Amino acid sequence: GARRAGGRREVADARAPTMPRPERRGGDTPRGHRTHEAPSRTALLRLALAIGRQQALDAPAMGAPAITAKTLAACPAPPTLAVGVISAPKNVDRRARMRASRDLLLRDDPCSATLTFVLGHRSMLTAAEAHQLDSEQALYGDIALLDAHDGTKSGISHGGRAVAEKAIAWFIHSVHAHRAPFTCKLDDDTMPHLPNLVADLKAMQHEVPNPLSAYYGVQVYRLWDWQSVDKGGDPNAACGSHGDDGPPTKSPPSLLKLLRQQRPGGPCEHAAGPFLFPDGSLEIVGRAALVAVFNSSRVRSYASRHFGNERPPIWTHEDAALGALVHREVAERRLPLTFLAMRRWGHNVFWVNWADRKTLISGNTLWAHYTRSAERSDYVAGAYLATRGMARDAFVCVSCEDQWGWTPPHDQVACCTKPVPPERYAPPRSIADARPATCGLGDSGATMQLGMFSKYEDVDGRYRLREALAALPRGSAAHVESCFVLGMKLHANPSNPFNVRAWLFYEAGRHADVDLAPLEAHGGMWPIRGYHSYSWWKRAVAHAAGS
């Protein structure tokens, strides 16, 4: 994740209280974004609360119907986009949240895009993992078990090897598994804006040359030493430095450094490239390029050889290797390829940092990374619903050498990008709601006041409890007023950064069942004396005495 997000990730993770940076640092900020003129921290907390409340109002009264294999079988034509989601057997909650987002966003056009969760070979799975995946397949028909390592069975390598093998297996599988004009690969901690991606791909076909040879994503540069691989060397043959400063920036430092390292006598003098490839947060390949590259005997042999390898060195360099494979086929066979360079932090979000509004989901956001926890997925899906169908910017094709400073392998390679997008914030665009974020012990007339003590980092647990409460018989649920009472540590504890607090304010706004009274009383800061279950009982006594 840190590699794909430009070397830095948002470490203020509410689920991992030992990892966040101290409060004074405020979390990560995209390079080039200035925050010293941003609204105050208190105003940003109110914004998170207001966005949550707006999303609660916008959410459909009834849940979207599930899109199943039966739904897709009735579609009159192939989807525009087939998305392969690299997953792991244990990531059940992530798959469920991605399905829920898809169902919500595609409820008016369920045939426009598909999700397939890509996992490893059945022989790699434990009995419990196989049972879980079989159950999901029976319900949704969206599981693909391909030739790749996976699972937690003793002796089976997961990690980078599994991800790399599943990625190439998905593209090879897609040649014959579907007829979508565009095939996408991403991980299960990335949420695509499916309606807007589909609209972008449809419009793009009238704007660029060879649209079905598109190679779409945030592009970066790399070198790959095929000579070393062919001689039996390390299969992870990326050579030289790398960075996150690809096109449309002209001649960025990473490209210039690679060119120097490739000079005669340099460490990469025999390497191929520099070539462009999508950074891995999301990549889309047009149908013509998919078939030409991933149905070639050389690429299929590459995948088969590494899947069957039982001894080190093991191939783990997923994204750079896929780019190298594409580059080799395109260069040596003079295949057409159209690079679509999306703008980093303009068309995607690597993480959400409430301290910087430029990292929030906007009408320009086509995919969001680091959405692995429930509240992040909830926010992103709601923001996508609010920005569905917003205006897009057209692609413009330019000279690869003149505008990007990069020499393509031949004249059938095109370089296209979009202009810097204007601001298209999702509503609410201003903060008009000043109601406090409290809950429980109200005047609803409920028979039971249910105060559920929760540590602030137990986000996924709170979401699971909400689902359980929502599943109660309607008559029973009407008599319960539930509220999560958060345990909070002392203000001086450095494991409680701003972003954690902001996510709590969002969650309180979205679900109206998180009691932030102790934060509200201190202007959004952690209470000096902390807050514990005893504080809730004191409030309950006062409430009972006055009723």
Protein backbone atom coordinates (compact mmCIF):
# COMPACT_ATOMS: atom_id res chain seq x y z
CA GLY A 1 0.00 0.00 0.00
CA ALA A 2 2.76 2.47 0.85
CA ARG A 3 4.50 1.67 -2.43
CA ARG A 4 1.37 2.29 -4.46
CA ALA A 5 0.45 5.45 -2.62
CA GLY A 6 3.67 7.15 -3.55
CA GLY A 7 5.80 5.87 -0.70
CA ARG A 8 3.60 7.24 2.07
CA ARG A 9 0.36 5.96 3.54
CA GLU A 10 -2.19 7.41 5.90
CA VAL A 11 -1.08 5.88 9.17
CA ALA A 12 -3.83 7.42 11.29
CA ASP A 13 -5.79 4.19 11.19
CA ALA A 14 -8.60 3.92 13.72
CA ARG A 15 -8.18 0.16 13.85
CA ALA A 16 -4.51 0.19 14.78
CA PRO A 17 -4.02 2.58 17.70
CA THR A 18 -0.32 1.83 18.08
CA MET A 19 0.50 3.02 14.56
CA PRO A 20 -0.82 6.59 14.12
CA ARG A 21 1.46 9.56 14.23
CA PRO A 22 1.25 12.11 17.06
CA GLU A 23 -1.65 14.53 17.03
CA ARG A 24 0.49 17.54 16.19
CA ARG A 25 1.46 16.07 12.82
CA GLY A 26 -2.09 15.80 11.52
CA GLY A 27 -1.67 12.81 9.20
CA ASP A 28 -0.37 12.56 5.66
CA THR A 29 -1.00 15.14 3.00
CA PRO A 30 -0.63 14.66 -0.78
CA ARG A 31 2.53 16.21 -2.09
CA GLY A 32 1.99 19.72 -3.34
CA HIS A 33 -1.17 20.26 -1.27
CA ARG A 34 -1.04 23.19 1.14
CA THR A 35 -3.01 22.95 4.35
CA HIS A 36 -1.97 26.03 6.32
CA GLU A 37 -4.89 28.00 4.83
CA ALA A 38 -7.35 25.16 5.38
CA PRO A 39 -10.33 25.49 7.74
CA SER A 40 -9.72 25.00 11.43
CA ARG A 41 -9.61 21.50 12.87
CA THR A 42 -12.94 22.10 14.60
CA ALA A 43 -14.53 23.13 11.31
CA LEU A 44 -13.18 20.02 9.61
CA LEU A 45 -14.64 17.82 12.35
CA ARG A 46 -18.01 19.53 11.79
CA LEU A 47 -17.59 18.88 8.05
CA ALA A 48 -17.07 15.16 8.70
CA LEU A 49 -20.21 15.16 10.85
CA ALA A 50 -22.19 17.08 8.20
CA ILE A 51 -21.08 14.76 5.40
CA GLY A 52 -22.15 11.76 7.45
CA ARG A 53 -25.58 13.29 8.07
CA GLN A 54 -25.97 14.22 4.40
CA GLN A 55 -25.14 10.67 3.36
CA ALA A 56 -27.70 9.33 5.84
CA LEU A 57 -30.34 11.52 4.19
CA ASP A 58 -29.28 10.45 0.68
CA ALA A 59 -29.18 6.72 1.45
CA PRO A 60 -32.10 4.83 -0.11
CA ALA A 61 -34.84 3.90 2.33
CA MET A 62 -34.65 0.32 1.17
CA GLY A 63 -31.36 -1.46 0.53
CA ALA A 64 -30.41 -1.98 -3.10
CA PRO A 65 -31.30 -5.43 -4.47
CA ALA A 66 -28.32 -7.77 -4.68
CA ILE A 67 -26.78 -8.25 -8.11
CA THR A 68 -26.34 -12.00 -8.56
CA ALA A 69 -25.24 -14.37 -11.29
CA LYS A 70 -28.91 -14.69 -12.24
CA THR A 71 -29.14 -10.90 -12.67
CA LEU A 72 -26.13 -10.84 -14.98
CA ALA A 73 -27.30 -13.86 -16.98
CA ALA A 74 -30.32 -11.82 -18.06
CA CYS A 75 -28.17 -8.95 -19.41
CA PRO A 76 -28.66 -8.46 -23.18
CA ALA A 77 -25.03 -7.51 -23.86
CA PRO A 78 -21.57 -7.80 -22.24
CA PRO A 79 -20.69 -5.22 -19.59
CA THR A 80 -18.56 -2.22 -20.49
CA LEU A 81 -16.14 -3.03 -17.67
CA ALA A 82 -15.17 -6.33 -16.04
CA VAL A 83 -13.41 -5.70 -12.72
CA GLY A 84 -11.16 -8.36 -11.21
CA VAL A 85 -10.69 -7.79 -7.48
CA ILE A 86 -7.57 -9.42 -6.02
CA SER A 87 -8.76 -10.82 -2.69
CA ALA A 88 -7.74 -13.30 0.00
CA PRO A 89 -9.93 -16.03 1.52
CA LYS A 90 -10.13 -14.34 4.92
CA ASN A 91 -11.26 -10.96 3.53
CA VAL A 92 -14.95 -11.82 3.76
CA ASP A 93 -16.00 -8.41 5.09
CA ARG A 94 -14.14 -6.54 2.33
CA ARG A 95 -15.88 -8.57 -0.36
CA ALA A 96 -19.26 -7.98 1.29
CA ARG A 97 -18.67 -4.22 1.40
CA MET A 98 -17.59 -4.10 -2.24
CA ARG A 99 -20.70 -6.02 -3.29
CA ALA A 100 -22.88 -3.64 -1.28
CA SER A 101 -21.24 -0.62 -2.95
CA ARG A 102 -21.73 -2.18 -6.40
CA ASP A 103 -25.38 -2.97 -5.70
CA LEU A 104 -25.99 0.60 -4.50
CA LEU A 105 -24.23 2.33 -7.39
CA LEU A 106 -25.42 0.06 -10.22
CA ARG A 107 -29.01 -0.41 -9.07
CA ASP A 108 -30.22 1.48 -12.19
CA ASP A 109 -27.81 -0.23 -14.60
CA PRO A 110 -26.64 -3.57 -13.17
CA CYS A 111 -25.39 -4.81 -16.55
CA SER A 112 -22.82 -2.03 -17.10
CA ALA A 113 -20.01 -3.52 -14.96
CA THR A 114 -19.18 -6.76 -13.16
CA LEU A 115 -17.11 -7.64 -10.11
CA THR A 116 -15.17 -10.89 -9.93
CA PHE A 117 -13.17 -11.73 -6.82
CA VAL A 118 -9.90 -13.38 -7.82
CA LEU A 119 -8.46 -16.01 -5.49
CA GLY A 120 -5.90 -18.77 -5.78
CA HIS A 121 -6.08 -22.41 -6.78
CA ARG A 122 -8.45 -24.63 -4.77
CA SER A 123 -5.57 -26.91 -3.77
CA MET A 124 -4.02 -24.00 -1.85
CA LEU A 125 -7.04 -23.48 0.40
CA THR A 126 -7.87 -24.99 3.77
CA ALA A 127 -11.17 -26.84 4.12
CA ALA A 128 -12.67 -23.87 5.98
CA GLU A 129 -11.51 -21.39 3.31
CA ALA A 130 -12.87 -23.56 0.50
CA HIS A 131 -16.22 -23.87 2.30
CA GLN A 132 -16.46 -20.10 2.78
CA LEU A 133 -15.70 -19.37 -0.87
CA ASP A 134 -18.06 -22.06 -2.10
CA SER A 135 -20.83 -20.47 -0.02
CA GLU A 136 -20.15 -17.07 -1.56
CA GLN A 137 -20.05 -18.54 -5.04
CA ALA A 138 -23.41 -20.22 -4.52
CA LEU A 139 -24.95 -16.89 -3.43
CA TYR A 140 -23.27 -14.43 -5.79
CA GLY A 141 -21.51 -16.35 -8.58
CA ASP A 142 -18.57 -13.92 -8.47
CA ILE A 143 -15.63 -16.03 -7.22
CA ALA A 144 -12.84 -17.12 -9.59
CA LEU A 145 -10.29 -19.65 -8.32
CA LEU A 146 -7.30 -19.36 -10.66
CA ASP A 147 -3.77 -20.75 -10.99
CA ALA A 148 -2.12 -18.80 -8.18
CA HIS A 149 -0.87 -19.32 -4.65
CA ASP A 150 -3.23 -18.31 -1.87
CA GLY A 151 -4.63 -19.12 1.54
CA THR A 152 -3.22 -19.85 4.97
CA LYS A 153 -2.50 -23.57 4.61
CA SER A 154 0.86 -24.54 6.11
CA GLY A 155 3.72 -24.33 3.62
CA ILE A 156 1.84 -22.17 1.10
CA SER A 157 3.39 -18.81 0.23
CA HIS A 158 0.98 -15.89 0.27
CA GLY A 159 1.96 -12.21 0.39
CA GLY A 160 3.54 -10.71 -2.70
CA ARG A 161 3.71 -14.01 -4.56
CA ALA A 162 -0.01 -14.66 -4.30
CA VAL A 163 -0.95 -11.13 -5.36
CA ALA A 164 1.37 -11.21 -8.38
CA GLU A 165 0.20 -14.62 -9.55
CA LYS A 166 -3.47 -13.74 -9.11
CA ALA A 167 -3.06 -10.50 -11.09
CA ILE A 168 -1.56 -12.12 -14.17
CA ALA A 169 -3.94 -15.07 -13.87
CA TRP A 170 -6.91 -12.69 -13.94
CA PHE A 171 -5.81 -11.02 -17.18
CA ILE A 172 -5.14 -14.39 -18.83
CA HIS A 173 -8.47 -15.73 -17.57
CA SER A 174 -10.29 -12.64 -18.90
CA VAL A 175 -9.31 -13.35 -22.50
CA HIS A 176 -11.90 -16.13 -22.66
CA ALA A 177 -14.05 -15.59 -19.54
CA HIS A 178 -15.92 -12.48 -20.71
CA ARG A 179 -16.41 -10.17 -23.70
CA ALA A 180 -16.25 -6.81 -21.94
CA PRO A 181 -14.37 -4.18 -23.98
CA PHE A 182 -12.39 -3.19 -20.87
CA THR A 183 -10.83 -5.32 -18.12
CA CYS A 184 -9.80 -3.85 -14.77
CA LYS A 185 -7.57 -5.14 -11.96
CA LEU A 186 -7.50 -3.74 -8.43
CA ASP A 187 -7.18 -4.97 -4.84
CA ASP A 188 -9.99 -5.47 -2.33
CA ASP A 189 -8.87 -2.40 -0.37
CA THR A 190 -9.69 -0.18 -3.37
CA MET A 191 -13.22 0.92 -4.27
CA PRO A 192 -13.97 1.88 -7.89
CA HIS A 193 -16.58 4.48 -8.79
CA LEU A 194 -18.26 2.07 -11.19
CA PRO A 195 -20.89 4.38 -12.80
CA ASN A 196 -18.40 7.17 -13.48
CA LEU A 197 -15.67 4.78 -14.64
CA VAL A 198 -18.10 3.21 -17.11
CA ALA A 199 -19.14 6.66 -18.35
CA ASP A 200 -15.50 7.69 -18.72
CA LEU A 201 -14.62 4.58 -20.72
CA LYS A 202 -17.63 4.97 -23.00
CA ALA A 203 -16.84 8.60 -23.77
CA MET A 204 -13.12 7.89 -24.12
CA GLN A 205 -13.77 5.67 -27.12
CA HIS A 206 -14.64 8.79 -29.16
CA GLU A 207 -11.62 10.79 -27.96
CA VAL A 208 -8.46 8.71 -28.40
CA PRO A 209 -6.88 6.49 -31.07
CA ASN A 210 -7.17 2.72 -30.70
CA PRO A 211 -9.42 2.89 -27.62
CA LEU A 212 -9.59 -0.90 -27.32
CA SER A 213 -5.81 -0.85 -26.93
CA ALA A 214 -6.12 1.45 -23.93
CA TYR A 215 -3.81 1.15 -20.89
CA TYR A 216 -5.55 3.24 -18.22
CA GLY A 217 -4.39 4.34 -14.78
CA VAL A 218 -1.95 6.52 -12.84
CA GLN A 219 1.19 5.88 -14.89
CA VAL A 220 4.75 5.53 -13.56
CA TYR A 221 8.13 4.69 -15.12
CA ARG A 222 10.32 1.61 -14.64
CA LEU A 223 13.16 -0.45 -16.17
CA TRP A 224 13.19 -4.27 -16.37
CA ASP A 225 16.26 -6.45 -16.93
CA TRP A 226 15.01 -9.30 -19.13
CA GLN A 227 18.55 -10.44 -19.84
CA SER A 228 19.06 -11.23 -16.17
CA VAL A 229 15.75 -13.12 -16.01
CA ASP A 230 16.53 -15.14 -19.13
CA LYS A 231 19.86 -16.20 -17.64
CA GLY A 232 18.14 -17.60 -14.53
CA GLY A 233 18.61 -14.57 -12.31
CA ASP A 234 16.19 -12.94 -9.90
CA PRO A 235 12.68 -12.93 -11.45
CA ASN A 236 12.07 -9.58 -9.74
CA ALA A 237 14.11 -7.79 -12.36
CA ALA A 238 12.97 -4.19 -11.89
CA CYS A 239 16.14 -2.14 -12.27
CA GLY A 240 17.10 1.28 -11.03
CA SER A 241 15.15 3.81 -9.04
CA HIS A 242 11.44 4.42 -9.16
CA GLY A 243 9.07 7.14 -8.08
CA ASP A 244 5.47 8.30 -8.24
CA ASP A 245 6.04 11.28 -10.54
CA GLY A 246 4.91 9.91 -13.89
CA PRO A 247 3.05 11.62 -16.75
CA PRO A 248 1.54 13.98 -17.63
CA THR A 249 4.44 15.72 -15.81
CA LYS A 250 7.16 16.31 -18.40
CA SER A 251 10.55 14.64 -17.79
CA PRO A 252 10.00 14.02 -14.06
CA PRO A 253 13.02 13.23 -11.83
CA SER A 254 12.25 9.51 -11.78
CA LEU A 255 12.43 9.31 -15.59
CA LEU A 256 15.64 11.31 -15.79
CA LYS A 257 17.28 9.15 -13.15
CA LEU A 258 16.30 5.95 -14.98
CA LEU A 259 17.77 7.30 -18.22
CA ARG A 260 21.06 8.01 -16.44
CA GLN A 261 21.12 4.54 -14.89
CA GLN A 262 20.58 3.02 -18.34
CA ARG A 263 23.64 4.63 -19.91
CA PRO A 264 26.57 2.40 -21.00
CA GLY A 265 28.39 1.26 -17.89
CA GLY A 266 25.41 2.09 -15.67
CA PRO A 267 23.68 -0.42 -13.37
CA CYS A 268 20.79 -0.84 -15.83
CA GLU A 269 22.54 -0.59 -19.20
CA HIS A 270 20.94 -3.85 -20.43
CA ALA A 271 17.45 -3.17 -19.07
CA ALA A 272 14.38 -2.60 -21.23
CA GLY A 273 12.58 0.71 -21.03
CA PRO A 274 12.00 3.10 -19.46
CA PHE A 275 8.40 1.98 -19.95
CA LEU A 276 5.13 3.21 -18.52
CA PHE A 277 2.63 1.15 -16.54
CA PRO A 278 -0.30 1.82 -14.19
CA ASP A 279 0.87 2.00 -10.58
CA GLY A 280 -1.34 -0.87 -9.37
CA SER A 281 -3.98 1.02 -7.42
CA LEU A 282 -6.13 0.44 -10.51
CA GLU A 283 -5.31 -0.58 -14.07
CA ILE A 284 -7.60 -1.05 -17.04
CA VAL A 285 -6.69 -2.79 -20.30
CA GLY A 286 -8.70 -2.53 -23.52
CA ARG A 287 -9.90 -5.75 -25.14
CA ALA A 288 -7.55 -5.63 -28.13
CA ALA A 289 -4.48 -5.14 -25.94
CA LEU A 290 -5.70 -7.77 -23.47
CA VAL A 291 -5.99 -10.46 -26.14
CA ALA A 292 -2.78 -9.51 -27.95
CA VAL A 293 -0.64 -9.47 -24.80
CA PHE A 294 -2.16 -11.90 -22.32
CA ASN A 295 -3.11 -14.55 -24.84
CA SER A 296 0.44 -14.69 -26.20
CA SER A 297 2.30 -17.94 -25.59
CA ARG A 298 5.20 -16.04 -24.02
CA VAL A 299 3.05 -14.36 -21.36
CA ARG A 300 1.05 -17.51 -20.63
CA SER A 301 4.29 -19.46 -20.26
CA TYR A 302 5.63 -16.79 -17.88
CA ALA A 303 2.57 -17.17 -15.63
CA SER A 304 2.64 -20.97 -15.70
CA ARG A 305 6.36 -21.13 -14.92
CA HIS A 306 6.12 -18.94 -11.84
CA PHE A 307 2.99 -20.65 -10.50
CA GLY A 308 4.79 -23.99 -10.74
CA ASN A 309 8.02 -22.74 -9.19
CA GLU A 310 8.65 -24.42 -5.81
CA ARG A 311 12.07 -22.97 -4.94
CA PRO A 312 13.43 -19.45 -4.41
CA PRO A 313 13.80 -16.98 -5.93
CA ILE A 314 10.06 -16.33 -6.07
CA TRP A 315 8.39 -13.76 -8.33
CA THR A 316 6.63 -11.07 -6.25
CA HIS A 317 6.95 -7.84 -8.31
CA GLU A 318 3.35 -7.68 -9.48
CA ASP A 319 2.79 -4.29 -11.14
CA ALA A 320 6.22 -3.61 -12.61
CA ALA A 321 6.37 -7.13 -14.08
CA LEU A 322 2.94 -6.78 -15.70
CA GLY A 323 4.09 -3.48 -17.20
CA ALA A 324 7.30 -5.11 -18.43
CA LEU A 325 5.35 -7.94 -20.06
CA VAL A 326 3.06 -5.48 -21.82
CA HIS A 327 6.01 -3.34 -22.91
CA ARG A 328 7.93 -6.29 -24.35
CA GLU A 329 4.99 -7.53 -26.41
CA VAL A 330 4.11 -4.02 -27.62
CA ALA A 331 7.71 -3.09 -28.49
CA GLU A 332 8.80 -6.31 -30.17
CA ARG A 333 5.55 -6.99 -32.04
CA ARG A 334 4.76 -3.32 -32.80
CA LEU A 335 1.35 -3.60 -31.18
CA PRO A 336 -0.77 -0.43 -30.81
CA LEU A 337 -1.16 0.85 -27.26
CA THR A 338 -2.84 4.01 -25.97
CA PHE A 339 -1.62 5.22 -22.58
CA LEU A 340 -4.32 7.04 -20.62
CA ALA A 341 -2.47 8.86 -17.86
CA MET A 342 -4.87 9.71 -15.05
CA ARG A 343 -3.88 12.47 -12.64
CA ARG A 344 -2.59 11.38 -9.24
CA TRP A 345 -4.83 12.76 -6.49
CA GLY A 346 -6.94 14.36 -9.23
CA HIS A 347 -8.73 11.26 -10.51
CA ASN A 348 -7.96 8.97 -7.58
CA VAL A 349 -7.54 9.11 -3.82
CA PHE A 350 -4.80 7.04 -2.18
CA TRP A 351 -6.22 7.60 1.31
CA VAL A 352 -8.68 9.92 3.03
CA ASN A 353 -7.17 12.49 5.38
CA TRP A 354 -9.83 14.71 6.91
CA ALA A 355 -7.18 17.34 7.70
CA ASP A 356 -6.92 18.07 3.96
CA ARG A 357 -10.16 18.45 2.05
CA LYS A 358 -8.34 17.77 -1.23
CA THR A 359 -8.12 14.11 -0.22
CA LEU A 360 -11.89 13.75 0.21
CA ILE A 361 -13.98 12.09 -2.48
CA SER A 362 -15.06 14.54 -5.17
CA GLY A 363 -16.83 14.37 -8.51
CA ASN A 364 -13.43 13.77 -10.12
CA THR A 365 -12.60 10.68 -8.05
CA LEU A 366 -12.78 7.46 -10.06
CA TRP A 367 -11.23 5.15 -7.48
CA ALA A 368 -10.19 5.30 -3.83
CA HIS A 369 -7.47 3.24 -2.18
CA TYR A 370 -7.10 2.17 1.47
CA THR A 371 -10.81 1.53 2.03
CA ARG A 372 -10.26 -1.67 3.98
CA SER A 373 -12.30 -0.78 7.08
CA ALA A 374 -16.06 -0.40 7.39
CA GLU A 375 -16.32 3.36 7.96
CA ARG A 376 -14.01 4.14 5.03
CA SER A 377 -16.02 1.94 2.68
CA ASP A 378 -19.22 3.49 4.01
CA TYR A 379 -17.98 7.02 3.36
CA VAL A 380 -16.62 6.29 -0.12
CA ALA A 381 -19.79 4.50 -1.26
CA GLY A 382 -21.96 7.37 0.01
CA ALA A 383 -19.75 9.97 -1.68
CA TYR A 384 -19.86 8.00 -4.94
CA LEU A 385 -23.66 7.98 -4.75
CA ALA A 386 -23.63 11.77 -4.33
CA THR A 387 -21.24 12.31 -7.28
CA ARG A 388 -22.69 9.75 -9.67
CA GLY A 389 -23.16 11.28 -13.13
CA MET A 390 -21.18 14.47 -12.44
CA ALA A 391 -19.47 16.13 -15.40
CA ARG A 392 -16.23 14.61 -16.69
CA ASP A 393 -13.27 16.04 -18.59
CA ALA A 394 -12.36 14.75 -22.04
CA PHE A 395 -9.06 13.07 -22.87
CA VAL A 396 -6.52 15.00 -24.91
CA CYS A 397 -3.76 13.20 -26.81
CA VAL A 398 -0.33 14.79 -26.99
CA SER A 399 3.16 14.11 -28.30
CA CYS A 400 4.81 11.59 -25.96
CA GLU A 401 8.22 13.20 -26.47
CA ASP A 402 7.27 16.88 -26.56
CA GLN A 403 4.77 16.91 -23.68
CA TRP A 404 5.92 13.97 -21.53
CA GLY A 405 9.64 13.84 -22.35
CA TRP A 406 9.36 10.08 -22.98
CA THR A 407 10.25 8.21 -26.17
CA PRO A 408 7.70 5.49 -26.97
CA PRO A 409 8.87 2.21 -28.54
CA HIS A 410 7.22 3.02 -31.92
CA ASP A 411 4.69 5.30 -33.62
CA GLN A 412 1.66 3.12 -32.82
CA VAL A 413 1.91 4.10 -29.15
CA ALA A 414 -0.25 7.09 -28.16
CA CYS A 415 -0.07 9.31 -25.08
CA CYS A 416 -3.30 10.83 -23.75
CA THR A 417 -4.37 12.51 -20.53
CA LYS A 418 -6.93 14.88 -19.06
CA PRO A 419 -6.56 18.53 -18.05
CA VAL A 420 -6.31 19.44 -14.38
CA PRO A 421 -9.89 18.97 -13.21
CA PRO A 422 -11.90 21.76 -11.58
CA GLU A 423 -13.19 21.31 -8.05
CA ARG A 424 -16.33 19.19 -7.94
CA TYR A 425 -16.96 18.62 -4.24
CA ALA A 426 -19.64 16.24 -3.12
CA PRO A 427 -22.41 17.73 -0.96
CA PRO A 428 -22.61 19.16 1.57
CA ARG A 429 -20.33 21.90 0.31
CA SER A 430 -20.84 24.03 3.41
CA ILE A 431 -21.61 23.35 7.06
CA ALA A 432 -25.03 24.53 8.17
CA ASP A 433 -25.79 21.85 10.74
CA ALA A 434 -24.50 22.57 14.26
CA ARG A 435 -26.46 19.94 16.19
CA PRO A 436 -24.23 18.06 18.66
CA ALA A 437 -23.18 14.49 17.90
CA THR A 438 -24.87 12.73 20.80
CA CYS A 439 -27.25 9.82 21.06
CA GLY A 440 -29.12 7.68 23.55
CA LEU A 441 -30.90 8.67 26.77
CA GLY A 442 -33.33 10.71 24.76
CA ASP A 443 -37.09 11.09 24.74
CA SER A 444 -37.93 8.46 22.12
CA GLY A 445 -40.07 6.46 24.53
CA ALA A 446 -37.98 3.34 24.00
CA THR A 447 -38.42 0.50 26.47
CA MET A 448 -34.69 -0.22 26.54
CA GLN A 449 -31.81 2.23 26.50
CA LEU A 450 -28.94 0.20 25.07
CA GLY A 451 -25.56 1.77 25.76
CA MET A 452 -22.88 -0.32 24.02
CA PHE A 453 -19.43 0.42 25.38
CA SER A 454 -16.94 0.39 22.50
CA LYS A 455 -13.30 1.22 22.08
CA TYR A 456 -12.89 3.92 19.49
CA GLU A 457 -10.83 1.67 17.21
CA ASP A 458 -13.43 -1.15 17.11
CA VAL A 459 -15.03 0.24 13.96
CA ASP A 460 -15.77 -3.01 12.15
CA GLY A 461 -17.31 -4.41 15.34
CA ARG A 462 -19.72 -1.48 15.57
CA TYR A 463 -20.79 -1.99 11.96
CA ARG A 464 -21.43 -5.68 12.58
CA LEU A 465 -23.55 -4.83 15.64
CA ARG A 466 -25.57 -2.35 13.55
CA GLU A 467 -26.31 -5.11 11.07
CA ALA A 468 -27.41 -7.40 13.89
CA LEU A 469 -29.70 -4.74 15.39
CA ALA A 470 -31.15 -3.95 11.95
CA ALA A 471 -32.00 -7.64 11.54
CA LEU A 472 -34.20 -7.65 14.67
CA PRO A 473 -37.94 -8.04 14.07
CA ARG A 474 -39.38 -4.61 13.36
CA GLY A 475 -41.51 -4.55 16.50
CA SER A 476 -38.58 -5.42 18.75
CA ALA A 477 -36.23 -2.86 17.19
CA ALA A 478 -38.77 -0.07 17.74
CA HIS A 479 -38.50 -0.48 21.50
CA VAL A 480 -34.68 -0.16 21.63
CA GLU A 481 -32.72 3.09 21.56
CA SER A 482 -29.11 2.11 21.03
CA CYS A 483 -26.00 4.18 21.34
CA PHE A 484 -22.29 3.39 21.20
CA VAL A 485 -20.46 4.80 24.20
CA LEU A 486 -16.83 5.30 23.30
CA GLY A 487 -13.98 4.60 25.65
CA MET A 488 -11.46 7.43 25.25
CA LYS A 489 -7.96 7.70 26.58
CA LEU A 490 -6.28 10.81 27.93
CA HIS A 491 -5.84 13.80 25.64
CA ALA A 492 -2.03 13.52 25.83
CA ASN A 493 -1.98 9.99 24.39
CA PRO A 494 -0.23 10.31 20.99
CA SER A 495 -2.13 7.31 19.57
CA ASN A 496 -5.27 9.45 19.19
CA PRO A 497 -4.63 11.64 16.13
CA PHE A 498 -6.97 14.05 14.43
CA ASN A 499 -7.99 11.67 11.66
CA VAL A 500 -9.29 9.11 14.16
CA ARG A 501 -11.50 11.77 15.73
CA ALA A 502 -12.73 12.90 12.30
CA TRP A 503 -13.75 9.36 11.37
CA LEU A 504 -15.71 9.16 14.63
CA PHE A 505 -17.54 12.38 13.74
CA TYR A 506 -18.34 10.99 10.28
CA GLU A 507 -19.60 7.74 11.79
CA ALA A 508 -21.73 9.64 14.31
CA GLY A 509 -23.28 11.71 11.53
CA ARG A 510 -23.86 8.75 9.23
CA HIS A 511 -25.54 6.48 11.80
CA ALA A 512 -26.64 8.81 14.64
CA ASP A 513 -25.69 6.16 17.19
CA VAL A 514 -22.24 7.23 18.43
CA ASP A 515 -22.10 9.38 21.55
CA LEU A 516 -19.49 12.07 21.05
CA ALA A 517 -20.62 14.16 24.01
CA PRO A 518 -17.15 14.03 25.63
CA LEU A 519 -15.55 15.27 22.43
CA GLU A 520 -18.21 17.91 21.84
CA ALA A 521 -17.61 19.27 25.35
CA HIS A 522 -13.94 19.91 24.54
CA GLY A 523 -14.21 21.44 21.08
CA GLY A 524 -13.47 18.16 19.37
CA MET A 525 -10.42 17.35 21.50
CA TRP A 526 -10.06 14.27 23.65
CA PRO A 527 -11.37 14.83 27.19
CA ILE A 528 -8.57 15.60 29.64
CA ARG A 529 -9.75 13.01 32.13
CA GLY A 530 -10.67 10.40 29.55
CA TYR A 531 -14.12 8.90 29.22
CA HIS A 532 -15.23 5.53 30.54
CA SER A 533 -18.38 3.48 31.07
CA TYR A 534 -18.82 5.05 34.53
CA SER A 535 -19.50 8.37 32.79
CA TRP A 536 -22.36 6.77 30.87
CA TRP A 537 -23.92 5.41 34.07
CA LYS A 538 -23.81 8.85 35.65
CA ARG A 539 -25.70 10.25 32.64
CA ALA A 540 -28.16 7.33 32.80
CA VAL A 541 -28.88 8.05 36.50
CA ALA A 542 -29.52 11.71 35.74
CA HIS A 543 -31.75 10.77 32.83
CA ALA A 544 -33.77 8.31 34.93
CA ALA A 545 -34.14 10.76 37.80
CA GLY A 546 -35.52 13.40 35.50
CA SER A 547 -38.00 11.21 33.61
